[in-house]
C-alpha atoms as a PDB file:
ATOM      1  CA  MET A   1      -4.929  -6.377 -20.298  1.00  0.00           C
ATOM      2  CA  ALA A   2      -7.186  -3.475 -21.202  1.00  0.00           C
ATOM      3  CA  PRO A   3      -8.599  -1.566 -18.236  1.00  0.00           C
ATOM      4  CA  ILE A   4     -12.147  -2.169 -17.102  1.00  0.00           C
ATOM      5  CA  VAL A   5     -14.672   0.307 -18.457  1.00  0.00           C
ATOM      6  CA  PRO A   6     -16.533   1.501 -15.343  1.00  0.00           C
ATOM      7  CA  HIS A   7     -20.316   1.475 -15.440  1.00  0.00           C
ATOM      8  CA  TRP A   8     -20.690   3.171 -12.053  1.00  0.00           C
ATOM      9  CA  HIS A   9     -20.531   6.815 -11.046  1.00  0.00           C
ATOM     10  CA  ARG A  10     -16.937   7.906 -10.487  1.00  0.00           C
ATOM     11  CA  PRO A  11     -15.273   8.588  -8.205  1.00  0.00           C
ATOM     12  CA  SER A  12     -17.210   6.218  -5.985  1.00  0.00           C
ATOM     13  CA  HIS A  13     -15.141   6.762  -2.801  1.00  0.00           C
ATOM     14  CA  PRO A  14     -13.618  10.244  -3.219  1.00  0.00           C
ATOM     15  CA  ASP A  15     -13.132  10.864   0.503  1.00  0.00           C
ATOM     16  CA  ILE A  16     -10.900   7.844   1.065  1.00  0.00           C
ATOM     17  CA  GLN A  17      -9.518   6.726  -2.309  1.00  0.00           C
ATOM     18  CA  GLU A  18      -7.769   8.282  -5.292  1.00  0.00           C
ATOM     19  CA  VAL A  19      -7.514   6.209  -8.471  1.00  0.00           C
ATOM     20  CA  VAL A  20      -4.405   6.881 -10.560  1.00  0.00           C
ATOM     21  CA  GLU A  21      -4.614   5.740 -14.173  1.00  0.00           C
ATOM     22  CA  ASN A  22      -1.827   5.170 -16.680  1.00  0.00           C
ATOM     23  CA  PRO A  23      -3.529   4.889 -20.092  1.00  0.00           C
ATOM     24  CA  ALA A  24      -0.251   4.229 -21.892  1.00  0.00           C
ATOM     25  CA  GLU A  25       0.393   1.057 -19.866  1.00  0.00           C
ATOM     26  CA  TYR A  26      -3.257   0.157 -19.222  1.00  0.00           C
ATOM     27  CA  THR A  27      -2.628   0.182 -15.483  1.00  0.00           C
ATOM     28  CA  THR A  28      -4.342   1.697 -12.480  1.00  0.00           C
ATOM     29  CA  LYS A  29      -3.570   1.968  -8.791  1.00  0.00           C
ATOM     30  CA  SER A  30      -5.322   3.331  -5.736  1.00  0.00           C
ATOM     31  CA  ILE A  31      -3.937   5.789  -3.206  1.00  0.00           C
ATOM     32  CA  SER A  32      -5.257   6.426   0.293  1.00  0.00           C
ATOM     33  CA  ARG A  33      -6.645   9.869   1.106  1.00  0.00           C
ATOM     34  CA  VAL A  34      -7.038   9.116   4.819  1.00  0.00           C
ATOM     35  CA  ALA A  35      -5.092   8.146   7.912  1.00  0.00           C
ATOM     36  CA  LEU A  36      -6.529   5.204   9.838  1.00  0.00           C
ATOM     37  CA  PRO A  37      -5.257   2.992  12.679  1.00  0.00           C
ATOM     38  CA  PRO A  38      -4.552  -0.730  12.233  1.00  0.00           C
ATOM     39  CA  PHE A  39      -7.560  -3.036  11.744  1.00  0.00           C
ATOM     40  CA  SER A  40     -10.074  -0.202  11.460  1.00  0.00           C
ATOM     41  CA  VAL A  41     -12.752  -0.233   8.748  1.00  0.00           C
ATOM     42  CA  PHE A  42     -11.594   1.467   5.552  1.00  0.00           C
ATOM     43  CA  ALA A  43     -14.743   0.758   3.513  1.00  0.00           C
ATOM     44  CA  LYS A  44     -17.730  -1.577   3.351  1.00  0.00           C
ATOM     45  CA  PHE A  45     -19.075  -3.800   0.596  1.00  0.00           C
ATOM     46  CA  ASP A  46     -22.552  -2.294   0.410  1.00  0.00           C
ATOM     47  CA  PHE A  47     -25.540  -3.619  -1.575  1.00  0.00           C
ATOM     48  CA  PRO A  48     -25.876  -1.700  -3.831  1.00  0.00           C
ATOM     49  CA  PRO A  49     -23.501  -1.092  -5.503  1.00  0.00           C
ATOM     50  CA  CYS A  50     -22.249  -4.660  -4.948  1.00  0.00           C
ATOM     51  CA  THR A  51     -24.071  -7.504  -6.674  1.00  0.00           C
ATOM     52  CA  THR A  52     -23.591 -11.257  -6.675  1.00  0.00           C
ATOM     53  CA  ALA A  53     -21.762 -12.717  -9.668  1.00  0.00           C
ATOM     54  CA  SER A  54     -22.951 -15.811 -11.516  1.00  0.00           C
ATOM     55  CA  GLU A  55     -19.362 -16.901 -12.168  1.00  0.00           C
ATOM     56  CA  PRO A  56     -15.854 -15.781 -11.219  1.00  0.00           C
ATOM     57  CA  THR A  57     -13.962 -13.376 -13.460  1.00  0.00           C
ATOM     58  CA  TYR A  58     -10.791 -11.335 -13.096  1.00  0.00           C
ATOM     59  CA  ALA A  59     -13.013  -8.500 -11.826  1.00  0.00           C
ATOM     60  CA  THR A  60     -14.905 -10.388  -9.090  1.00  0.00           C
ATOM     61  CA  VAL A  61     -14.054 -11.097  -5.450  1.00  0.00           C
ATOM     62  CA  GLN A  62     -14.694 -14.557  -4.001  1.00  0.00           C
ATOM     63  CA  THR A  63     -16.813 -14.519  -0.845  1.00  0.00           C
ATOM     64  CA  GLY A  64     -17.363 -18.249  -0.231  1.00  0.00           C
ATOM     65  CA  ARG A  65     -16.803 -21.709  -1.636  1.00  0.00           C
ATOM     66  CA  ASP A  66     -18.934 -21.009  -4.722  1.00  0.00           C
ATOM     67  CA  THR A  67     -19.976 -17.369  -4.279  1.00  0.00           C
ATOM     68  CA  HIS A  68     -18.497 -14.278  -5.877  1.00  0.00           C
ATOM     69  CA  LEU A  69     -19.108 -10.551  -5.814  1.00  0.00           C
ATOM     70  CA  ASN A  70     -19.138  -7.735  -8.351  1.00  0.00           C
ATOM     71  CA  LEU A  71     -17.864  -4.658  -6.513  1.00  0.00           C
ATOM     72  CA  ASN A  72     -19.248  -2.155  -9.052  1.00  0.00           C
ATOM     73  CA  SER A  73     -17.143   0.638  -7.578  1.00  0.00           C
ATOM     74  CA  ASP A  74     -13.628   2.062  -7.519  1.00  0.00           C
ATOM     75  CA  LEU A  75     -12.720  -0.539  -4.887  1.00  0.00           C
ATOM     76  CA  LEU A  76     -12.119  -2.726  -7.927  1.00  0.00           C
ATOM     77  CA  TYR A  77      -8.947  -0.699  -8.585  1.00  0.00           C
ATOM     78  CA  ILE A  78      -7.256  -1.876  -5.385  1.00  0.00           C
ATOM     79  CA  ASN A  79      -4.328  -3.953  -6.607  1.00  0.00           C
ATOM     80  CA  HIS A  80      -2.620  -7.046  -5.242  1.00  0.00           C
ATOM     81  CA  SER A  81       0.442  -6.951  -3.000  1.00  0.00           C
ATOM     82  CA  CYS A  82       2.225  -9.704  -1.093  1.00  0.00           C
ATOM     83  CA  GLU A  83       2.554  -7.215   1.787  1.00  0.00           C
ATOM     84  CA  PRO A  84      -0.844  -5.502   1.572  1.00  0.00           C
ATOM     85  CA  THR A  85      -2.076  -2.379   3.294  1.00  0.00           C
ATOM     86  CA  LEU A  86      -5.667  -3.694   3.468  1.00  0.00           C
ATOM     87  CA  PHE A  87      -7.596  -6.888   4.233  1.00  0.00           C
ATOM     88  CA  PHE A  88     -10.736  -7.809   2.292  1.00  0.00           C
ATOM     89  CA  ASP A  89     -12.833  -9.333   5.092  1.00  0.00           C
ATOM     90  CA  VAL A  90     -15.542 -10.752   2.841  1.00  0.00           C
ATOM     91  CA  GLY A  91     -17.203 -12.691   5.657  1.00  0.00           C
ATOM     92  CA  ASN A  92     -18.244  -9.375   7.206  1.00  0.00           C
ATOM     93  CA  PHE A  93     -18.261  -7.368   3.947  1.00  0.00           C
ATOM     94  CA  ASN A  94     -15.577  -5.015   5.245  1.00  0.00           C
ATOM     95  CA  VAL A  95     -12.311  -3.651   3.919  1.00  0.00           C
ATOM     96  CA  LEU A  96      -9.993  -3.451   6.927  1.00  0.00           C
ATOM     97  CA  VAL A  97      -6.749  -1.563   7.422  1.00  0.00           C
ATOM     98  CA  GLY A  98      -3.656  -3.758   7.736  1.00  0.00           C
ATOM     99  CA  PRO A  99      -1.443  -4.083  10.829  1.00  0.00           C
ATOM    100  CA  LYS A 100       0.760  -1.098   9.925  1.00  0.00           C
ATOM    101  CA  GLY A 101      -2.103   1.370   9.712  1.00  0.00           C
ATOM    102  CA  LEU A 102      -2.754   3.721   6.824  1.00  0.00           C
ATOM    103  CA  LYS A 103      -1.745   7.274   5.996  1.00  0.00           C
ATOM    104  CA  PRO A 104      -2.487   9.595   3.064  1.00  0.00           C
ATOM    105  CA  GLY A 105      -0.380   8.689   0.048  1.00  0.00           C
ATOM    106  CA  ASP A 106      -0.087   4.973   0.862  1.00  0.00           C
ATOM    107  CA  GLU A 107      -0.948   2.660  -2.009  1.00  0.00           C
ATOM    108  CA  LEU A 108      -4.051   0.593  -1.326  1.00  0.00           C
ATOM    109  CA  SER A 109      -3.579  -3.134  -1.867  1.00  0.00           C
ATOM    110  CA  PHE A 110      -4.737  -6.521  -0.647  1.00  0.00           C
ATOM    111  CA  PHE A 111      -3.478 -10.100  -0.947  1.00  0.00           C
ATOM    112  CA  TYR A 112      -5.566 -11.670  -3.728  1.00  0.00           C
ATOM    113  CA  PRO A 113      -5.226 -15.295  -2.497  1.00  0.00           C
ATOM    114  CA  SER A 114      -6.810 -14.210   0.801  1.00  0.00           C
ATOM    115  CA  THR A 115     -10.126 -14.271  -1.086  1.00  0.00           C
ATOM    116  CA  GLU A 116      -9.425 -16.203  -4.307  1.00  0.00           C
ATOM    117  CA  TRP A 117      -9.091 -19.990  -4.353  1.00  0.00           C
ATOM    118  CA  SER A 118      -8.455 -20.338  -8.093  1.00  0.00           C
ATOM    119  CA  MET A 119      -8.080 -17.166 -10.123  1.00  0.00           C
ATOM    120  CA  ALA A 120      -9.586 -16.701 -13.570  1.00  0.00           C
ATOM    121  CA  GLN A 121      -6.468 -14.885 -14.781  1.00  0.00           C
ATOM    122  CA  PRO A 122      -3.220 -15.711 -12.922  1.00  0.00           C
ATOM    123  CA  PHE A 123      -0.324 -13.284 -13.180  1.00  0.00           C
ATOM    124  CA  ASP A 124       3.291 -12.771 -12.165  1.00  0.00           C
ATOM    125  CA  CYS A 125       3.436 -10.459  -9.170  1.00  0.00           C
ATOM    126  CA  LEU A 126       5.668  -7.408  -9.488  1.00  0.00           C
ATOM    127  CA  CYS A 127       4.998  -5.909  -6.056  1.00  0.00           C
ATOM    128  CA  GLY A 128       8.729  -5.925  -5.296  1.00  0.00           C
ATOM    129  CA  THR A 129       8.287  -6.643  -1.588  1.00  0.00           C
ATOM    130  CA  PRO A 130      10.782  -8.866   0.287  1.00  0.00           C
ATOM    131  CA  THR A 131       8.122 -11.587   0.609  1.00  0.00           C
ATOM    132  CA  CYS A 132       6.883 -11.457  -2.996  1.00  0.00           C
ATOM    133  CA  ARG A 133       5.337 -14.839  -3.902  1.00  0.00           C
ATOM    134  CA  GLY A 134       5.950 -14.554  -7.638  1.00  0.00           C
ATOM    135  CA  ARG A 135       3.210 -16.333  -9.569  1.00  0.00           C
ATOM    136  CA  ILE A 136      -0.261 -15.543  -8.198  1.00  0.00           C
ATOM    137  CA  SER A 137      -3.000 -17.952  -9.247  1.00  0.00           C
ATOM    138  CA  GLY A 138      -4.992 -18.368  -6.041  1.00  0.00           C
ATOM    139  CA  ALA A 139      -4.571 -20.007  -2.644  1.00  0.00           C
ATOM    140  CA  ARG A 140      -5.135 -23.477  -4.133  1.00  0.00           C
ATOM    141  CA  ASP A 141      -1.699 -23.434  -5.766  1.00  0.00           C
ATOM    142  CA  MET A 142       0.287 -21.954  -2.875  1.00  0.00           C
ATOM    143  CA  THR A 143       2.429 -23.820  -0.358  1.00  0.00           C
ATOM    144  CA  GLU A 144       2.135 -23.701   3.412  1.00  0.00           C
ATOM    145  CA  ALA A 145       5.287 -21.586   3.538  1.00  0.00           C
ATOM    146  CA  GLN A 146       3.836 -19.071   1.076  1.00  0.00           C
ATOM    147  CA  LEU A 147       0.694 -18.651   3.183  1.00  0.00           C
ATOM    148  CA  ASP A 148       2.391 -18.762   6.575  1.00  0.00           C
ATOM    149  CA  GLY A 149       1.433 -15.737   8.661  1.00  0.00           C
ATOM    150  CA  VAL A 150      -0.946 -14.372   6.015  1.00  0.00           C
ATOM    151  CA  TRP A 151      -4.470 -13.275   6.938  1.00  0.00           C
ATOM    152  CA  LEU A 152      -6.980 -15.486   5.071  1.00  0.00           C
ATOM    153  CA  ASN A 153     -10.756 -15.507   4.812  1.00  0.00           C
ATOM    154  CA  GLY A 154     -12.718 -18.367   6.334  1.00  0.00           C
ATOM    155  CA  HIS A 155     -13.629 -20.035   3.039  1.00  0.00           C
ATOM    156  CA  ILE A 156      -9.962 -20.135   2.007  1.00  0.00           C
ATOM    157  CA  ILE A 157      -8.972 -21.693   5.342  1.00  0.00           C
ATOM    158  CA  GLN A 158     -11.696 -24.333   4.932  1.00  0.00           C
ATOM    159  CA  LEU A 159     -10.744 -25.131   1.339  1.00  0.00           C
ATOM    160  CA  ARG A 160      -7.089 -25.462   2.335  1.00  0.00           C
ATOM    161  CA  ALA A 161      -8.007 -27.905   5.106  1.00  0.00           C
ATOM    162  CA  GLU A 162     -10.042 -30.004   2.671  1.00  0.00           C
ATOM    163  CA  GLN A 163      -7.195 -29.935   0.164  1.00  0.00           C
ATOM    164  CA  GLN A 164      -4.699 -31.203   2.742  1.00  0.00           C
ATOM    165  CA  ALA A 165      -7.082 -33.916   3.953  1.00  0.00           C
ATOM    166  CA  GLY A 166      -7.620 -35.029   0.366  1.00  0.00           C
ATOM    167  CA  ARG A 167      -3.905 -35.324  -0.254  1.00  0.00           C
ATOM    168  CA  GLN A 168      -3.482 -37.523   2.801  1.00  0.00           C
ATOM    169  CA  SER A 169      -6.382 -39.802   1.839  1.00  0.00           C
ATOM    170  CA  GLN A 170      -5.035 -40.189  -1.700  1.00  0.00           C
ATOM    171  CA  ASP A 171      -1.603 -41.272  -0.456  1.00  0.00           C
ATOM    172  CA  PRO A 172      -2.034 -43.988   2.213  1.00  0.00           C
ATOM    173  CA  THR A 173       1.714 -44.611   2.478  1.00  0.00           C
ATOM    174  CA  ALA A 174       2.329 -40.967   3.342  1.00  0.00           C
ATOM    175  CA  ALA A 175      -0.471 -41.082   5.912  1.00  0.00           C
ATOM    176  CA  ILE A 176       1.060 -44.197   7.556  1.00  0.00           C
ATOM    177  CA  LEU A 177       4.502 -42.606   7.663  1.00  0.00           C
ATOM    178  CA  GLN A 178       3.112 -39.376   9.101  1.00  0.00           C
ATOM    179  CA  GLY A 179       1.282 -41.386  11.756  1.00  0.00           C
ATOM    180  CA  ALA A 180       4.467 -43.274  12.626  1.00  0.00           C
ATOM    181  CA  VAL A 181       6.404 -40.030  12.935  1.00  0.00           C
ATOM    182  CA  ALA A 182       3.719 -38.536  15.180  1.00  0.00           C
ATOM    183  CA  HIS A 183       3.721 -41.677  17.359  1.00  0.00           C
ATOM    184  CA  ALA A 184       7.521 -41.603  17.623  1.00  0.00           C
ATOM    185  CA  GLU A 185       7.466 -37.936  18.581  1.00  0.00           C
ATOM    186  CA  GLN A 186       4.887 -38.633  21.302  1.00  0.00           C
ATOM    187  CA  ALA A 187       6.977 -41.538  22.617  1.00  0.00           C
ATOM    188  CA  LEU A 188      10.068 -39.332  22.682  1.00  0.00           C
ATOM    189  CA  VAL A 189       8.245 -36.632  24.634  1.00  0.00           C
ATOM    190  CA  ALA A 190       6.952 -39.227  27.114  1.00  0.00           C
ATOM    191  CA  ALA A 191      10.441 -40.676  27.552  1.00  0.00           C
ATOM    192  CA  ARG A 192      11.923 -37.250  28.194  1.00  0.00           C
ATOM    193  CA  LEU A 193       9.254 -36.459  30.771  1.00  0.00           C
ATOM    194  CA  ALA A 194       9.822 -39.800  32.497  1.00  0.00           C
ATOM    195  CA  ALA A 195      13.588 -39.276  32.579  1.00  0.00           C
ATOM    196  CA  ARG A 196      13.146 -35.751  33.900  1.00  0.00           C
ATOM    197  CA  SER A 197      10.742 -36.974  36.572  1.00  0.00           C
ATOM    198  CA  TYR A 198      13.077 -39.783  37.630  1.00  0.00           C
ATOM    199  CA  THR A 199      16.113 -37.515  37.771  1.00  0.00           C
ATOM    200  CA  GLY A 200      14.267 -34.913  39.792  1.00  0.00           C
ATOM    201  CA  SER A 201      12.881 -37.429  42.267  1.00  0.00           C
ATOM    202  CA  PHE A 202      16.298 -39.050  42.709  1.00  0.00           C
ATOM    203  CA  GLU A 203      17.986 -35.740  43.433  1.00  0.00           C
ATOM    204  CA  ASN A 204      15.254 -34.733  45.898  1.00  0.00           C
ATOM    205  CA  GLY A 205      15.363 -38.025  47.776  1.00  0.00           C
ATOM    206  CA  THR A 206      11.782 -38.956  46.857  1.00  0.00           C
ATOM    207  CA  LYS A 207      10.407 -42.131  45.366  1.00  0.00           C
ATOM    208  CA  GLY A 208      11.759 -43.095  41.966  1.00  0.00           C
ATOM    209  CA  LEU A 209      10.135 -44.974  39.138  1.00  0.00           C
ATOM    210  CA  ASN A 210       9.948 -48.266  41.073  1.00  0.00           C
ATOM    211  CA  GLY A 211       8.405 -46.674  44.158  1.00  0.00           C
ATOM    212  CA  ILE A 212      11.536 -47.116  46.308  1.00  0.00           C
ATOM    213  CA  SER A 213      12.844 -44.141  48.189  1.00  0.00           C
ATOM    214  CA  HIS A 214      16.267 -43.053  46.982  1.00  0.00           C
ATOM    215  CA  LYS A 215      17.614 -41.112  49.943  1.00  0.00           C
ATOM    216  CA  VAL A 216      21.265 -40.285  49.464  1.00  0.00           C
ATOM    217  CA  ALA A 217      23.316 -40.302  52.643  1.00  0.00           C
ATOM    218  CA  PRO A 218      25.498 -37.253  53.177  1.00  0.00           C
ATOM    219  CA  VAL A 219      29.200 -37.765  52.726  1.00  0.00           C
ATOM    220  CA  GLN A 220      31.313 -36.880  55.758  1.00  0.00           C
ATOM    221  CA  HIS A 221      34.768 -35.463  55.240  1.00  0.00           C
ATOM    222  CA  ARG A 222      37.063 -36.117  58.194  1.00  0.00           C
ATOM    223  CA  ILE A 223      40.271 -34.235  58.503  1.00  0.00           C
ATOM    224  CA  ALA A 224      43.083 -36.211  60.008  1.00  0.00           C
ATOM    225  CA  ALA A 225      44.582 -34.690  63.118  1.00  0.00           C
END
């Protein structure tokens, strides 16, 4: 894929970001120029330069169910990683530092499915991290296991919930079986609690399940003379 031709003044964030370009491979990456603690604000999505997009492209960021953003700045050169250094908090128009903090020289990255439901141009991830998800096409196509423990924006969480509800409504047999399993699990928990309560009351000499006191007489040990 050919690199995007910037139409904004560059560098747009020289104090915090360095963009490294590789013209031979048509690739770019962003490097941090600053040290920041976890969950602090790295940058903001200001208007301008940001503008709303009429449709999603490989260069936009999704901000809601049907809303997308043109960044119009070097923030566009922040790549994907399955173990990102940044969070794109689009609900508050902030770029936040990840849980490990940030130091100069760290590559800047964020988890694309944290904002994108269905990507215009999917790709095979080459981040090389231990938790690499492989094919990245948006949160819509990812499993629960792939998204477990990942920070997601509110619109992605909502769309996932609707997707799961839709799957259950489309498969009534699965819904019945899931309900039966849930009922059985509740019955098992209730039975365990009842057994525990009965055992405890019996050992303490209090009333058992039928309301009768179960006082155990002490056993006397006589020693023959």
